[in-house]
Amino acid sequence: MGALIAADGAGMLFVSGCASNMGPFLGRFDHVVLLRAPALVMLARLASRTDNPYGKRPEEVAAVLANLREVEPRLRAVAGHEVDSDAPVDEVVARVLRCVGA
């Protein structure tokens, strides 16, 4: 990953997301940071957003809560850092940058 950044001339590259096949790729990253939020915060964010309808239907809320229970522990196991994202965006960004030594 470092060669890609050096070739591009950028100082840092952040990638967001998770996938069922991400395990083999984790070693290519210098840092893995889990951004987490409590269930009530996640549900409030879903309920209040207007740019995406996902999370409004009961079955979608159930899926979000199931993923929080089942997937988040697996993500926590591979993350080198964890940041609570229940804060203003600039504070969350500052926490992430501290985690990666920036």
PDB file of N, CA and C in Angstrom:
ATOM      1  N   MET A   1       0.827  -1.186   0.000  1.00  0.00           N
ATOM      2  CA  MET A   1       0.000   0.000   0.000  1.00  0.00           C
ATOM      3  C   MET A   1       0.871   1.248   0.000  1.00  0.00           C
ATOM      4  N   GLY A   2       1.985   1.211   0.716  1.00  0.00           N
ATOM      5  CA  GLY A   2       2.866   2.366   0.778  1.00  0.00           C
ATOM      6  C   GLY A   2       3.377   2.789  -0.588  1.00  0.00           C
ATOM      7  N   ALA A   3       3.685   1.815  -1.466  1.00  0.00           N
ATOM      8  CA  ALA A   3       4.174   2.143  -2.807  1.00  0.00           C
ATOM      9  C   ALA A   3       3.104   2.858  -3.618  1.00  0.00           C
ATOM     10  N   LEU A   4       1.855   2.445  -3.443  1.00  0.00           N
ATOM     11  CA  LEU A   4       0.761   3.101  -4.146  1.00  0.00           C
ATOM     12  C   LEU A   4       0.654   4.556  -3.723  1.00  0.00           C
ATOM     13  N   ILE A   5       0.739   4.806  -2.439  1.00  0.00           N
ATOM     14  CA  ILE A   5       0.647   6.179  -1.945  1.00  0.00           C
ATOM     15  C   ILE A   5       1.851   6.988  -2.414  1.00  0.00           C
ATOM     16  N   ALA A   6       3.046   6.404  -2.329  1.00  0.00           N
ATOM     17  CA  ALA A   6       4.248   7.117  -2.745  1.00  0.00           C
ATOM     18  C   ALA A   6       4.186   7.463  -4.235  1.00  0.00           C
ATOM     19  N   ALA A   7       3.689   6.545  -5.046  1.00  0.00           N
ATOM     20  CA  ALA A   7       3.597   6.782  -6.482  1.00  0.00           C
ATOM     21  C   ALA A   7       2.588   7.885  -6.797  1.00  0.00           C
ATOM     22  N   ASP A   8       1.578   7.974  -5.991  1.00  0.00           N
ATOM     23  CA  ASP A   8       0.528   8.971  -6.206  1.00  0.00           C
ATOM     24  C   ASP A   8       0.939  10.330  -5.663  1.00  0.00           C
ATOM     25  N   GLY A   9       1.899  10.356  -4.769  1.00  0.00           N
ATOM     26  CA  GLY A   9       2.344  11.604  -4.185  1.00  0.00           C
ATOM     27  C   GLY A   9       1.551  12.027  -2.965  1.00  0.00           C
ATOM     28  N   ALA A  10       0.555  11.269  -2.579  1.00  0.00           N
ATOM     29  CA  ALA A  10      -0.269  11.602  -1.411  1.00  0.00           C
ATOM     30  C   ALA A  10       0.374  11.056  -0.144  1.00  0.00           C
ATOM     31  N   GLY A  11       0.052  11.673   0.966  1.00  0.00           N
ATOM     32  CA  GLY A  11       0.612  11.238   2.236  1.00  0.00           C
ATOM     33  C   GLY A  11      -0.159  10.122   2.907  1.00  0.00           C
ATOM     34  N   MET A  12      -1.479  10.091   2.724  1.00  0.00           N
ATOM     35  CA  MET A  12      -2.301   9.066   3.364  1.00  0.00           C
ATOM     36  C   MET A  12      -3.433   8.663   2.439  1.00  0.00           C
ATOM     37  N   LEU A  13      -3.845   7.428   2.588  1.00  0.00           N
ATOM     38  CA  LEU A  13      -4.995   6.914   1.867  1.00  0.00           C
ATOM     39  C   LEU A  13      -5.893   6.232   2.886  1.00  0.00           C
ATOM     40  N   PHE A  14      -7.157   6.631   2.941  1.00  0.00           N
ATOM     41  CA  PHE A  14      -8.129   6.008   3.829  1.00  0.00           C
ATOM     42  C   PHE A  14      -9.143   5.262   2.977  1.00  0.00           C
ATOM     43  N   VAL A  15      -9.447   4.026   3.375  1.00  0.00           N
ATOM     44  CA  VAL A  15     -10.429   3.199   2.696  1.00  0.00           C
ATOM     45  C   VAL A  15     -11.487   2.837   3.731  1.00  0.00           C
ATOM     46  N   SER A  16     -12.739   2.917   3.338  1.00  0.00           N
ATOM     47  CA  SER A  16     -13.818   2.652   4.280  1.00  0.00           C
ATOM     48  C   SER A  16     -14.675   1.494   3.790  1.00  0.00           C
ATOM     49  N   GLY A  17     -15.079   0.647   4.722  1.00  0.00           N
ATOM     50  CA  GLY A  17     -15.992  -0.427   4.386  1.00  0.00           C
ATOM     51  C   GLY A  17     -15.547  -1.747   4.963  1.00  0.00           C
ATOM     52  N   CYS A  18     -16.363  -2.757   4.733  1.00  0.00           N
ATOM     53  CA  CYS A  18     -15.996  -4.117   5.117  1.00  0.00           C
ATOM     54  C   CYS A  18     -16.678  -5.067   4.142  1.00  0.00           C
ATOM     55  N   ALA A  19     -16.110  -6.249   4.019  1.00  0.00           N
ATOM     56  CA  ALA A  19     -16.646  -7.259   3.113  1.00  0.00           C
ATOM     57  C   ALA A  19     -16.312  -8.629   3.663  1.00  0.00           C
ATOM     58  N   SER A  20     -17.075  -9.615   3.269  1.00  0.00           N
ATOM     59  CA  SER A  20     -16.865 -10.968   3.783  1.00  0.00           C
ATOM     60  C   SER A  20     -15.494 -11.525   3.397  1.00  0.00           C
ATOM     61  N   ASN A  21     -14.893 -11.023   2.325  1.00  0.00           N
ATOM     62  CA  ASN A  21     -13.596 -11.532   1.870  1.00  0.00           C
ATOM     63  C   ASN A  21     -12.440 -10.584   2.191  1.00  0.00           C
ATOM     64  N   MET A  22     -12.586  -9.721   3.179  1.00  0.00           N
ATOM     65  CA  MET A  22     -11.555  -8.711   3.431  1.00  0.00           C
ATOM     66  C   MET A  22     -10.329  -9.260   4.164  1.00  0.00           C
ATOM     67  N   GLY A  23     -10.445 -10.405   4.788  1.00  0.00           N
ATOM     68  CA  GLY A  23      -9.348 -10.969   5.568  1.00  0.00           C
ATOM     69  C   GLY A  23      -8.009 -11.005   4.858  1.00  0.00           C
ATOM     70  N   PRO A  24      -7.940 -11.527   3.636  1.00  0.00           N
ATOM     71  CA  PRO A  24      -6.654 -11.602   2.945  1.00  0.00           C
ATOM     72  C   PRO A  24      -6.035 -10.239   2.624  1.00  0.00           C
ATOM     73  N   PHE A  25      -6.819  -9.188   2.653  1.00  0.00           N
ATOM     74  CA  PHE A  25      -6.326  -7.860   2.284  1.00  0.00           C
ATOM     75  C   PHE A  25      -5.872  -7.033   3.483  1.00  0.00           C
ATOM     76  N   LEU A  26      -6.202  -7.451   4.684  1.00  0.00           N
ATOM     77  CA  LEU A  26      -5.908  -6.643   5.868  1.00  0.00           C
ATOM     78  C   LEU A  26      -4.424  -6.364   6.030  1.00  0.00           C
ATOM     79  N   GLY A  27      -3.576  -7.298   5.675  1.00  0.00           N
ATOM     80  CA  GLY A  27      -2.136  -7.123   5.809  1.00  0.00           C
ATOM     81  C   GLY A  27      -1.564  -6.034   4.912  1.00  0.00           C
ATOM     82  N   ARG A  28      -2.323  -5.576   3.955  1.00  0.00           N
ATOM     83  CA  ARG A  28      -1.859  -4.525   3.049  1.00  0.00           C
ATOM     84  C   ARG A  28      -2.045  -3.119   3.631  1.00  0.00           C
ATOM     85  N   PHE A  29      -2.716  -3.053   4.765  1.00  0.00           N
ATOM     86  CA  PHE A  29      -2.992  -1.761   5.383  1.00  0.00           C
ATOM     87  C   PHE A  29      -2.105  -1.548   6.596  1.00  0.00           C
ATOM     88  N   ASP A  30      -1.662  -0.331   6.778  1.00  0.00           N
ATOM     89  CA  ASP A  30      -0.844  -0.004   7.940  1.00  0.00           C
ATOM     90  C   ASP A  30      -1.684   0.018   9.216  1.00  0.00           C
ATOM     91  N   HIS A  31      -2.920   0.435   9.107  1.00  0.00           N
ATOM     92  CA  HIS A  31      -3.813   0.544  10.257  1.00  0.00           C
ATOM     93  C   HIS A  31      -5.214   0.125   9.854  1.00  0.00           C
ATOM     94  N   VAL A  32      -5.913  -0.509  10.786  1.00  0.00           N
ATOM     95  CA  VAL A  32      -7.337  -0.802  10.626  1.00  0.00           C
ATOM     96  C   VAL A  32      -8.028  -0.176  11.821  1.00  0.00           C
ATOM     97  N   VAL A  33      -8.957   0.737  11.543  1.00  0.00           N
ATOM     98  CA  VAL A  33      -9.659   1.470  12.597  1.00  0.00           C
ATOM     99  C   VAL A  33     -11.143   1.142  12.493  1.00  0.00           C
ATOM    100  N   LEU A  34     -11.707   0.674  13.588  1.00  0.00           N
ATOM    101  CA  LEU A  34     -13.142   0.419  13.651  1.00  0.00           C
ATOM    102  C   LEU A  34     -13.834   1.681  14.138  1.00  0.00           C
ATOM    103  N   LEU A  35     -14.699   2.227  13.297  1.00  0.00           N
ATOM    104  CA  LEU A  35     -15.546   3.346  13.702  1.00  0.00           C
ATOM    105  C   LEU A  35     -16.849   2.732  14.206  1.00  0.00           C
ATOM    106  N   ARG A  36     -17.167   2.985  15.448  1.00  0.00           N
ATOM    107  CA  ARG A  36     -18.364   2.380  16.009  1.00  0.00           C
ATOM    108  C   ARG A  36     -19.267   3.446  16.601  1.00  0.00           C
ATOM    109  N   ALA A  37     -20.536   3.066  16.733  1.00  0.00           N
ATOM    110  CA  ALA A  37     -21.527   3.927  17.372  1.00  0.00           C
ATOM    111  C   ALA A  37     -22.507   3.024  18.113  1.00  0.00           C
ATOM    112  N   PRO A  38     -23.011   3.481  19.236  1.00  0.00           N
ATOM    113  CA  PRO A  38     -24.017   2.696  19.952  1.00  0.00           C
ATOM    114  C   PRO A  38     -25.267   2.488  19.089  1.00  0.00           C
ATOM    115  N   ALA A  39     -25.985   1.423  19.359  1.00  0.00           N
ATOM    116  CA  ALA A  39     -27.171   1.084  18.570  1.00  0.00           C
ATOM    117  C   ALA A  39     -28.164   2.239  18.499  1.00  0.00           C
ATOM    118  N   LEU A  40     -28.419   2.901  19.608  1.00  0.00           N
ATOM    119  CA  LEU A  40     -29.399   3.992  19.601  1.00  0.00           C
ATOM    120  C   LEU A  40     -28.945   5.141  18.704  1.00  0.00           C
ATOM    121  N   VAL A  41     -27.656   5.411  18.681  1.00  0.00           N
ATOM    122  CA  VAL A  41     -27.130   6.469  17.809  1.00  0.00           C
ATOM    123  C   VAL A  41     -27.288   6.057  16.349  1.00  0.00           C
ATOM    124  N   MET A  42     -26.968   4.821  16.041  1.00  0.00           N
ATOM    125  CA  MET A  42     -27.100   4.348  14.658  1.00  0.00           C
ATOM    126  C   MET A  42     -28.551   4.427  14.194  1.00  0.00           C
ATOM    127  N   LEU A  43     -29.465   3.996  15.047  1.00  0.00           N
ATOM    128  CA  LEU A  43     -30.873   4.014  14.665  1.00  0.00           C
ATOM    129  C   LEU A  43     -31.392   5.438  14.507  1.00  0.00           C
ATOM    130  N   ALA A  44     -30.950   6.336  15.360  1.00  0.00           N
ATOM    131  CA  ALA A  44     -31.363   7.741  15.231  1.00  0.00           C
ATOM    132  C   ALA A  44     -30.822   8.337  13.940  1.00  0.00           C
ATOM    133  N   ARG A  45     -29.600   8.012  13.587  1.00  0.00           N
ATOM    134  CA  ARG A  45     -29.019   8.521  12.336  1.00  0.00           C
ATOM    135  C   ARG A  45     -29.787   7.992  11.128  1.00  0.00           C
ATOM    136  N   LEU A  46     -30.120   6.714  11.154  1.00  0.00           N
ATOM    137  CA  LEU A  46     -30.894   6.141  10.048  1.00  0.00           C
ATOM    138  C   LEU A  46     -32.268   6.794   9.943  1.00  0.00           C
ATOM    139  N   ALA A  47     -32.915   6.987  11.070  1.00  0.00           N
ATOM    140  CA  ALA A  47     -34.262   7.555  11.075  1.00  0.00           C
ATOM    141  C   ALA A  47     -34.287   8.999  10.603  1.00  0.00           C
ATOM    142  N   SER A  48     -33.218   9.739  10.860  1.00  0.00           N
ATOM    143  CA  SER A  48     -33.231  11.169  10.540  1.00  0.00           C
ATOM    144  C   SER A  48     -32.643  11.520   9.183  1.00  0.00           C
ATOM    145  N   ARG A  49     -31.965  10.606   8.531  1.00  0.00           N
ATOM    146  CA  ARG A  49     -31.350  10.969   7.258  1.00  0.00           C
ATOM    147  C   ARG A  49     -32.396  11.045   6.148  1.00  0.00           C
ATOM    148  N   THR A  50     -32.126  11.906   5.201  1.00  0.00           N
ATOM    149  CA  THR A  50     -33.081  12.143   4.117  1.00  0.00           C
ATOM    150  C   THR A  50     -32.525  11.780   2.746  1.00  0.00           C
ATOM    151  N   ASP A  51     -31.247  11.423   2.673  1.00  0.00           N
ATOM    152  CA  ASP A  51     -30.628  11.149   1.369  1.00  0.00           C
ATOM    153  C   ASP A  51     -30.631   9.674   0.992  1.00  0.00           C
ATOM    154  N   ASN A  52     -31.182   8.817   1.860  1.00  0.00           N
ATOM    155  CA  ASN A  52     -31.154   7.381   1.606  1.00  0.00           C
ATOM    156  C   ASN A  52     -32.296   6.753   2.396  1.00  0.00           C
ATOM    157  N   PRO A  53     -33.149   5.961   1.768  1.00  0.00           N
ATOM    158  CA  PRO A  53     -34.284   5.387   2.485  1.00  0.00           C
ATOM    159  C   PRO A  53     -33.941   4.175   3.361  1.00  0.00           C
ATOM    160  N   TYR A  54     -32.714   3.629   3.205  1.00  0.00           N
ATOM    161  CA  TYR A  54     -32.384   2.426   3.975  1.00  0.00           C
ATOM    162  C   TYR A  54     -32.431   2.716   5.470  1.00  0.00           C
ATOM    163  N   GLY A  55     -33.016   1.769   6.206  1.00  0.00           N
ATOM    164  CA  GLY A  55     -33.087   1.871   7.657  1.00  0.00           C
ATOM    165  C   GLY A  55     -34.412   2.381   8.174  1.00  0.00           C
ATOM    166  N   LYS A  56     -35.331   2.623   7.277  1.00  0.00           N
ATOM    167  CA  LYS A  56     -36.644   3.134   7.685  1.00  0.00           C
ATOM    168  C   LYS A  56     -37.632   1.996   7.967  1.00  0.00           C
ATOM    169  N   ARG A  57     -37.457   0.871   7.315  1.00  0.00           N
ATOM    170  CA  ARG A  57     -38.398  -0.251   7.459  1.00  0.00           C
ATOM    171  C   ARG A  57     -37.957  -1.155   8.618  1.00  0.00           C
ATOM    172  N   PRO A  58     -38.932  -1.752   9.307  1.00  0.00           N
ATOM    173  CA  PRO A  58     -38.606  -2.592  10.480  1.00  0.00           C
ATOM    174  C   PRO A  58     -37.602  -3.705  10.186  1.00  0.00           C
ATOM    175  N   GLU A  59     -37.708  -4.333   9.025  1.00  0.00           N
ATOM    176  CA  GLU A  59     -36.778  -5.428   8.711  1.00  0.00           C
ATOM    177  C   GLU A  59     -35.353  -4.904   8.490  1.00  0.00           C
ATOM    178  N   GLU A  60     -35.227  -3.670   8.016  1.00  0.00           N
ATOM    179  CA  GLU A  60     -33.909  -3.067   7.850  1.00  0.00           C
ATOM    180  C   GLU A  60     -33.309  -2.702   9.208  1.00  0.00           C
ATOM    181  N   VAL A  61     -34.127  -2.194  10.097  1.00  0.00           N
ATOM    182  CA  VAL A  61     -33.664  -1.903  11.461  1.00  0.00           C
ATOM    183  C   VAL A  61     -33.199  -3.187  12.121  1.00  0.00           C
ATOM    184  N   ALA A  62     -33.960  -4.264  11.949  1.00  0.00           N
ATOM    185  CA  ALA A  62     -33.577  -5.560  12.522  1.00  0.00           C
ATOM    186  C   ALA A  62     -32.242  -6.034  11.945  1.00  0.00           C
ATOM    187  N   ALA A  63     -32.031  -5.834  10.648  1.00  0.00           N
ATOM    188  CA  ALA A  63     -30.773  -6.243  10.016  1.00  0.00           C
ATOM    189  C   ALA A  63     -29.603  -5.430  10.556  1.00  0.00           C
ATOM    190  N   VAL A  64     -29.800  -4.131  10.747  1.00  0.00           N
ATOM    191  CA  VAL A  64     -28.736  -3.285  11.304  1.00  0.00           C
ATOM    192  C   VAL A  64     -28.365  -3.768  12.704  1.00  0.00           C
ATOM    193  N   LEU A  65     -29.365  -4.047  13.522  1.00  0.00           N
ATOM    194  CA  LEU A  65     -29.089  -4.505  14.890  1.00  0.00           C
ATOM    195  C   LEU A  65     -28.428  -5.883  14.898  1.00  0.00           C
ATOM    196  N   ALA A  66     -28.833  -6.753  13.985  1.00  0.00           N
ATOM    197  CA  ALA A  66     -28.200  -8.079  13.884  1.00  0.00           C
ATOM    198  C   ALA A  66     -26.742  -7.939  13.470  1.00  0.00           C
ATOM    199  N   ASN A  67     -26.460  -7.058  12.498  1.00  0.00           N
ATOM    200  CA  ASN A  67     -25.073  -6.830  12.084  1.00  0.00           C
ATOM    201  C   ASN A  67     -24.249  -6.251  13.223  1.00  0.00           C
ATOM    202  N   LEU A  68     -24.839  -5.376  13.986  1.00  0.00           N
ATOM    203  CA  LEU A  68     -24.130  -4.797  15.120  1.00  0.00           C
ATOM    204  C   LEU A  68     -23.737  -5.895  16.111  1.00  0.00           C
ATOM    205  N   ARG A  69     -24.648  -6.814  16.365  1.00  0.00           N
ATOM    206  CA  ARG A  69     -24.381  -7.917  17.296  1.00  0.00           C
ATOM    207  C   ARG A  69     -23.386  -8.928  16.734  1.00  0.00           C
ATOM    208  N   GLU A  70     -23.541  -9.268  15.462  1.00  0.00           N
ATOM    209  CA  GLU A  70     -22.800 -10.390  14.892  1.00  0.00           C
ATOM    210  C   GLU A  70     -21.516  -9.984  14.161  1.00  0.00           C
ATOM    211  N   VAL A  71     -21.523  -8.855  13.489  1.00  0.00           N
ATOM    212  CA  VAL A  71     -20.378  -8.467  12.661  1.00  0.00           C
ATOM    213  C   VAL A  71     -19.402  -7.577  13.424  1.00  0.00           C
ATOM    214  N   GLU A  72     -19.920  -6.649  14.217  1.00  0.00           N
ATOM    215  CA  GLU A  72     -19.012  -5.733  14.915  1.00  0.00           C
ATOM    216  C   GLU A  72     -17.969  -6.458  15.763  1.00  0.00           C
ATOM    217  N   PRO A  73     -18.304  -7.524  16.496  1.00  0.00           N
ATOM    218  CA  PRO A  73     -17.248  -8.221  17.258  1.00  0.00           C
ATOM    219  C   PRO A  73     -16.142  -8.782  16.369  1.00  0.00           C
ATOM    220  N   ARG A  74     -16.492  -9.240  15.186  1.00  0.00           N
ATOM    221  CA  ARG A  74     -15.474  -9.757  14.259  1.00  0.00           C
ATOM    222  C   ARG A  74     -14.594  -8.626  13.731  1.00  0.00           C
ATOM    223  N   LEU A  75     -15.205  -7.481  13.471  1.00  0.00           N
ATOM    224  CA  LEU A  75     -14.429  -6.324  13.028  1.00  0.00           C
ATOM    225  C   LEU A  75     -13.514  -5.833  14.143  1.00  0.00           C
ATOM    226  N   ARG A  76     -14.022  -5.838  15.361  1.00  0.00           N
ATOM    227  CA  ARG A  76     -13.217  -5.416  16.513  1.00  0.00           C
ATOM    228  C   ARG A  76     -11.988  -6.325  16.663  1.00  0.00           C
ATOM    229  N   ALA A  77     -12.149  -7.599  16.364  1.00  0.00           N
ATOM    230  CA  ALA A  77     -11.047  -8.559  16.509  1.00  0.00           C
ATOM    231  C   ALA A  77      -9.900  -8.284  15.543  1.00  0.00           C
ATOM    232  N   VAL A  78     -10.190  -7.704  14.385  1.00  0.00           N
ATOM    233  CA  VAL A  78      -9.126  -7.454  13.402  1.00  0.00           C
ATOM    234  C   VAL A  78      -8.654  -5.998  13.404  1.00  0.00           C
ATOM    235  N   ALA A  79      -9.379  -5.131  14.100  1.00  0.00           N
ATOM    236  CA  ALA A  79      -9.009  -3.710  14.122  1.00  0.00           C
ATOM    237  C   ALA A  79      -7.895  -3.469  15.129  1.00  0.00           C
ATOM    238  N   GLY A  80      -6.983  -2.637  14.738  1.00  0.00           N
ATOM    239  CA  GLY A  80      -5.919  -2.249  15.661  1.00  0.00           C
ATOM    240  C   GLY A  80      -6.314  -1.076  16.533  1.00  0.00           C
ATOM    241  N   HIS A  81      -7.357  -0.379  16.131  1.00  0.00           N
ATOM    242  CA  HIS A  81      -7.836   0.802  16.845  1.00  0.00           C
ATOM    243  C   HIS A  81      -9.354   0.810  16.780  1.00  0.00           C
ATOM    244  N   GLU A  82      -9.956   1.459  17.761  1.00  0.00           N
ATOM    245  CA  GLU A  82     -11.406   1.619  17.783  1.00  0.00           C
ATOM    246  C   GLU A  82     -11.724   3.056  18.159  1.00  0.00           C
ATOM    247  N   VAL A  83     -12.608   3.675  17.390  1.00  0.00           N
ATOM    248  CA  VAL A  83     -12.998   5.065  17.635  1.00  0.00           C
ATOM    249  C   VAL A  83     -14.511   5.135  17.735  1.00  0.00           C
ATOM    250  N   ASP A  84     -14.991   5.702  18.830  1.00  0.00           N
ATOM    251  CA  ASP A  84     -16.418   5.919  18.996  1.00  0.00           C
ATOM    252  C   ASP A  84     -16.809   7.106  18.129  1.00  0.00           C
ATOM    253  N   SER A  85     -17.715   6.897  17.203  1.00  0.00           N
ATOM    254  CA  SER A  85     -18.093   7.958  16.272  1.00  0.00           C
ATOM    255  C   SER A  85     -19.305   8.751  16.743  1.00  0.00           C
ATOM    256  N   ASP A  86     -19.653   8.609  18.002  1.00  0.00           N
ATOM    257  CA  ASP A  86     -20.759   9.380  18.579  1.00  0.00           C
ATOM    258  C   ASP A  86     -20.214  10.713  19.090  1.00  0.00           C
ATOM    259  N   ALA A  87     -19.715  11.499  18.138  1.00  0.00           N
ATOM    260  CA  ALA A  87     -19.108  12.798  18.445  1.00  0.00           C
ATOM    261  C   ALA A  87     -19.179  13.635  17.176  1.00  0.00           C
ATOM    262  N   PRO A  88     -18.932  14.929  17.272  1.00  0.00           N
ATOM    263  CA  PRO A  88     -18.876  15.739  16.046  1.00  0.00           C
ATOM    264  C   PRO A  88     -17.816  15.206  15.085  1.00  0.00           C
ATOM    265  N   VAL A  89     -18.066  15.363  13.794  1.00  0.00           N
ATOM    266  CA  VAL A  89     -17.194  14.793  12.761  1.00  0.00           C
ATOM    267  C   VAL A  89     -15.743  15.229  12.934  1.00  0.00           C
ATOM    268  N   ASP A  90     -15.502  16.509  13.243  1.00  0.00           N
ATOM    269  CA  ASP A  90     -14.112  16.958  13.369  1.00  0.00           C
ATOM    270  C   ASP A  90     -13.399  16.267  14.521  1.00  0.00           C
ATOM    271  N   GLU A  91     -14.127  15.939  15.574  1.00  0.00           N
ATOM    272  CA  GLU A  91     -13.526  15.222  16.701  1.00  0.00           C
ATOM    273  C   GLU A  91     -13.237  13.766  16.327  1.00  0.00           C
ATOM    274  N   VAL A  92     -14.148  13.145  15.596  1.00  0.00           N
ATOM    275  CA  VAL A  92     -13.923  11.766  15.146  1.00  0.00           C
ATOM    276  C   VAL A  92     -12.701  11.703  14.226  1.00  0.00           C
ATOM    277  N   VAL A  93     -12.590  12.652  13.306  1.00  0.00           N
ATOM    278  CA  VAL A  93     -11.439  12.692  12.400  1.00  0.00           C
ATOM    279  C   VAL A  93     -10.155  12.868  13.201  1.00  0.00           C
ATOM    280  N   ALA A  94     -10.163  13.740  14.187  1.00  0.00           N
ATOM    281  CA  ALA A  94      -8.966  13.944  15.018  1.00  0.00           C
ATOM    282  C   ALA A  94      -8.583  12.664  15.749  1.00  0.00           C
ATOM    283  N   ARG A  95      -9.572  11.931  16.226  1.00  0.00           N
ATOM    284  CA  ARG A  95      -9.295  10.657  16.922  1.00  0.00           C
ATOM    285  C   ARG A  95      -8.683   9.643  15.961  1.00  0.00           C
ATOM    286  N   VAL A  96      -9.224   9.560  14.744  1.00  0.00           N
ATOM    287  CA  VAL A  96      -8.683   8.627  13.757  1.00  0.00           C
ATOM    288  C   VAL A  96      -7.251   9.005  13.415  1.00  0.00           C
ATOM    289  N   LEU A  97      -7.004  10.270  13.204  1.00  0.00           N
ATOM    290  CA  LEU A  97      -5.641  10.719  12.871  1.00  0.00           C
ATOM    291  C   LEU A  97      -4.662  10.414  13.994  1.00  0.00           C
ATOM    292  N   ARG A  98      -5.098  10.549  15.236  1.00  0.00           N
ATOM    293  CA  ARG A  98      -4.226  10.181  16.362  1.00  0.00           C
ATOM    294  C   ARG A  98      -3.931   8.677  16.338  1.00  0.00           C
ATOM    295  N   CYS A  99      -4.914   7.872  16.000  1.00  0.00           N
ATOM    296  CA  CYS A  99      -4.711   6.426  15.945  1.00  0.00           C
ATOM    297  C   CYS A  99      -3.643   6.040  14.923  1.00  0.00           C
ATOM    298  N   VAL A 100      -3.615   6.742  13.813  1.00  0.00           N
ATOM    299  CA  VAL A 100      -2.667   6.391  12.747  1.00  0.00           C
ATOM    300  C   VAL A 100      -1.380   7.178  12.823  1.00  0.00           C
ATOM    301  N   GLY A 101      -1.231   7.940  13.890  1.00  0.00           N
ATOM    302  CA  GLY A 101       0.018   8.670  14.100  1.00  0.00           C
ATOM    303  C   GLY A 101       0.175   9.903  13.250  1.00  0.00           C
ATOM    304  N   ALA A 102      -0.913  10.486  12.810  1.00  0.00           N
ATOM    305  CA  ALA A 102      -0.838  11.694  11.975  1.00  0.00           C
ATOM    306  C   ALA A 102      -1.031  12.944  12.833  1.00  0.00           C
TER     307      ALA A 102
END
